[in-house]
Amino acid sequence: MDMNLSTTELEVLEQQLEREQALVKKYRTFAGECTDAQLKVTCNQIADKHQQHFNTLMGYLQ
């Protein structure tokens, strides 16, 4: 994909990538601390979804 992003767009994209990364880490940590099996699954599913968001956003930079 040949896309020319402005400096502002790149900054926003970088900020969102950082947010998505933080959410993945947070929900993986929550999952690791859960004693309830269903809650652990849910936390991992949420982390997976944010990882997908991160991967999609990274695709805009390639």
N, C-alpha and C. Protein backbone atom coordinates (compact mmCIF):
# COMPACT_ATOMS: atom_id res chain seq x y z
N MET A 1 0.86 -1.18 0.00
CA MET A 1 0.00 0.00 0.00
C MET A 1 0.90 1.24 0.00
N ASP A 2 0.77 2.07 -0.99
CA ASP A 2 1.56 3.28 -1.09
C ASP A 2 0.73 4.43 -0.55
N MET A 3 1.08 4.85 0.65
CA MET A 3 0.28 5.87 1.32
C MET A 3 1.24 6.89 1.93
N ASN A 4 0.99 8.15 1.64
CA ASN A 4 1.80 9.20 2.24
C ASN A 4 1.03 9.79 3.41
N LEU A 5 1.53 9.55 4.61
CA LEU A 5 0.88 10.05 5.81
C LEU A 5 1.56 11.33 6.26
N SER A 6 0.77 12.26 6.74
CA SER A 6 1.33 13.51 7.26
C SER A 6 2.00 13.24 8.60
N THR A 7 2.76 14.18 9.05
CA THR A 7 3.42 14.07 10.36
C THR A 7 2.40 13.88 11.46
N THR A 8 1.32 14.62 11.39
CA THR A 8 0.26 14.51 12.41
C THR A 8 -0.37 13.12 12.38
N GLU A 9 -0.64 12.62 11.20
CA GLU A 9 -1.22 11.28 11.08
C GLU A 9 -0.27 10.22 11.62
N LEU A 10 1.02 10.37 11.34
CA LEU A 10 2.00 9.43 11.87
C LEU A 10 2.07 9.48 13.39
N GLU A 11 1.98 10.67 13.95
CA GLU A 11 2.00 10.82 15.41
C GLU A 11 0.79 10.16 16.05
N VAL A 12 -0.38 10.36 15.45
CA VAL A 12 -1.61 9.75 15.95
C VAL A 12 -1.51 8.23 15.86
N LEU A 13 -1.00 7.75 14.75
CA LEU A 13 -0.84 6.32 14.55
C LEU A 13 0.12 5.73 15.60
N GLU A 14 1.21 6.42 15.85
CA GLU A 14 2.17 5.97 16.86
C GLU A 14 1.53 5.93 18.25
N GLN A 15 0.76 6.95 18.57
CA GLN A 15 0.08 6.97 19.87
C GLN A 15 -0.90 5.82 20.01
N GLN A 16 -1.63 5.53 18.95
CA GLN A 16 -2.60 4.44 19.00
C GLN A 16 -1.89 3.09 19.09
N LEU A 17 -0.78 2.94 18.40
CA LEU A 17 0.00 1.71 18.52
C LEU A 17 0.45 1.50 19.95
N GLU A 18 0.90 2.56 20.60
CA GLU A 18 1.31 2.46 22.00
C GLU A 18 0.15 2.07 22.90
N ARG A 19 -1.02 2.63 22.63
CA ARG A 19 -2.21 2.29 23.43
C ARG A 19 -2.59 0.82 23.25
N GLU A 20 -2.58 0.38 22.00
CA GLU A 20 -2.93 -1.02 21.73
C GLU A 20 -1.93 -1.96 22.40
N GLN A 21 -0.66 -1.63 22.34
CA GLN A 21 0.38 -2.45 22.97
C GLN A 21 0.16 -2.50 24.48
N ALA A 22 -0.16 -1.37 25.08
CA ALA A 22 -0.40 -1.32 26.52
C ALA A 22 -1.61 -2.17 26.91
N LEU A 23 -2.65 -2.13 26.08
CA LEU A 23 -3.85 -2.92 26.37
C LEU A 23 -3.57 -4.42 26.25
N VAL A 24 -2.79 -4.81 25.26
CA VAL A 24 -2.42 -6.23 25.14
C VAL A 24 -1.69 -6.67 26.40
N LYS A 25 -0.71 -5.88 26.82
CA LYS A 25 0.07 -6.22 28.01
C LYS A 25 -0.83 -6.28 29.25
N LYS A 26 -1.70 -5.31 29.40
CA LYS A 26 -2.59 -5.24 30.56
C LYS A 26 -3.50 -6.46 30.65
N TYR A 27 -4.13 -6.81 29.51
CA TYR A 27 -5.06 -7.95 29.54
C TYR A 27 -4.35 -9.29 29.65
N ARG A 28 -3.12 -9.39 29.14
CA ARG A 28 -2.34 -10.62 29.35
C ARG A 28 -1.99 -10.75 30.84
N THR A 29 -1.66 -9.63 31.46
CA THR A 29 -1.37 -9.64 32.90
C THR A 29 -2.61 -10.03 33.69
N PHE A 30 -3.76 -9.43 33.34
CA PHE A 30 -5.01 -9.79 34.00
C PHE A 30 -5.28 -11.29 33.85
N ALA A 31 -5.10 -11.81 32.64
CA ALA A 31 -5.35 -13.23 32.39
C ALA A 31 -4.45 -14.10 33.25
N GLY A 32 -3.21 -13.68 33.40
CA GLY A 32 -2.26 -14.43 34.21
C GLY A 32 -2.60 -14.44 35.69
N GLU A 33 -3.33 -13.42 36.12
CA GLU A 33 -3.69 -13.31 37.53
C GLU A 33 -5.06 -13.91 37.85
N CYS A 34 -5.83 -14.25 36.82
CA CYS A 34 -7.18 -14.77 37.02
C CYS A 34 -7.16 -16.18 37.58
N THR A 35 -8.04 -16.43 38.51
CA THR A 35 -8.23 -17.79 39.00
C THR A 35 -9.48 -18.39 38.38
N ASP A 36 -10.36 -17.57 37.87
CA ASP A 36 -11.58 -18.03 37.20
C ASP A 36 -11.25 -18.33 35.73
N ALA A 37 -11.50 -19.56 35.32
CA ALA A 37 -11.12 -20.00 33.97
C ALA A 37 -11.80 -19.18 32.88
N GLN A 38 -13.09 -18.91 33.04
CA GLN A 38 -13.82 -18.17 32.00
C GLN A 38 -13.31 -16.73 31.91
N LEU A 39 -13.03 -16.13 33.04
CA LEU A 39 -12.49 -14.77 33.04
C LEU A 39 -11.11 -14.73 32.38
N LYS A 40 -10.32 -15.75 32.62
CA LYS A 40 -9.00 -15.84 31.99
C LYS A 40 -9.14 -15.91 30.47
N VAL A 41 -10.09 -16.73 30.00
CA VAL A 41 -10.35 -16.84 28.56
C VAL A 41 -10.78 -15.49 27.99
N THR A 42 -11.68 -14.82 28.69
CA THR A 42 -12.18 -13.52 28.23
C THR A 42 -11.05 -12.50 28.14
N CYS A 43 -10.20 -12.45 29.15
CA CYS A 43 -9.07 -11.51 29.14
C CYS A 43 -8.13 -11.80 27.98
N ASN A 44 -7.88 -13.07 27.72
CA ASN A 44 -7.01 -13.44 26.59
C ASN A 44 -7.67 -13.09 25.25
N GLN A 45 -8.97 -13.25 25.15
CA GLN A 45 -9.68 -12.88 23.93
C GLN A 45 -9.58 -11.37 23.68
N ILE A 46 -9.72 -10.60 24.75
CA ILE A 46 -9.61 -9.14 24.63
C ILE A 46 -8.18 -8.76 24.21
N ALA A 47 -7.20 -9.41 24.81
CA ALA A 47 -5.81 -9.15 24.44
C ALA A 47 -5.57 -9.50 22.97
N ASP A 48 -6.13 -10.63 22.52
CA ASP A 48 -5.99 -11.02 21.12
C ASP A 48 -6.59 -9.97 20.19
N LYS A 49 -7.74 -9.43 20.56
CA LYS A 49 -8.41 -8.43 19.73
C LYS A 49 -7.54 -7.17 19.63
N HIS A 50 -6.94 -6.75 20.74
CA HIS A 50 -6.08 -5.57 20.70
C HIS A 50 -4.79 -5.85 19.92
N GLN A 51 -4.32 -7.10 19.95
CA GLN A 51 -3.16 -7.46 19.14
C GLN A 51 -3.51 -7.37 17.66
N GLN A 52 -4.72 -7.76 17.31
CA GLN A 52 -5.18 -7.63 15.92
C GLN A 52 -5.23 -6.16 15.51
N HIS A 53 -5.73 -5.32 16.42
CA HIS A 53 -5.77 -3.87 16.13
C HIS A 53 -4.35 -3.36 15.89
N PHE A 54 -3.41 -3.76 16.76
CA PHE A 54 -2.01 -3.35 16.63
C PHE A 54 -1.46 -3.78 15.27
N ASN A 55 -1.70 -5.04 14.92
CA ASN A 55 -1.19 -5.56 13.65
C ASN A 55 -1.78 -4.82 12.46
N THR A 56 -3.05 -4.50 12.52
CA THR A 56 -3.71 -3.75 11.45
C THR A 56 -3.08 -2.36 11.30
N LEU A 57 -2.88 -1.69 12.43
CA LEU A 57 -2.28 -0.36 12.39
C LEU A 57 -0.85 -0.43 11.86
N MET A 58 -0.10 -1.45 12.25
CA MET A 58 1.27 -1.59 11.75
C MET A 58 1.28 -1.78 10.23
N GLY A 59 0.22 -2.41 9.72
CA GLY A 59 0.11 -2.60 8.29
C GLY A 59 0.09 -1.28 7.51
N TYR A 60 -0.41 -0.23 8.14
CA TYR A 60 -0.44 1.07 7.49
C TYR A 60 0.94 1.68 7.35
N LEU A 61 1.87 1.18 8.12
CA LEU A 61 3.24 1.73 8.07
C LEU A 61 4.14 0.95 7.10
N GLN A 62 3.63 -0.14 6.58
CA GLN A 62 4.46 -0.95 5.68
C GLN A 62 4.16 -0.66 4.23
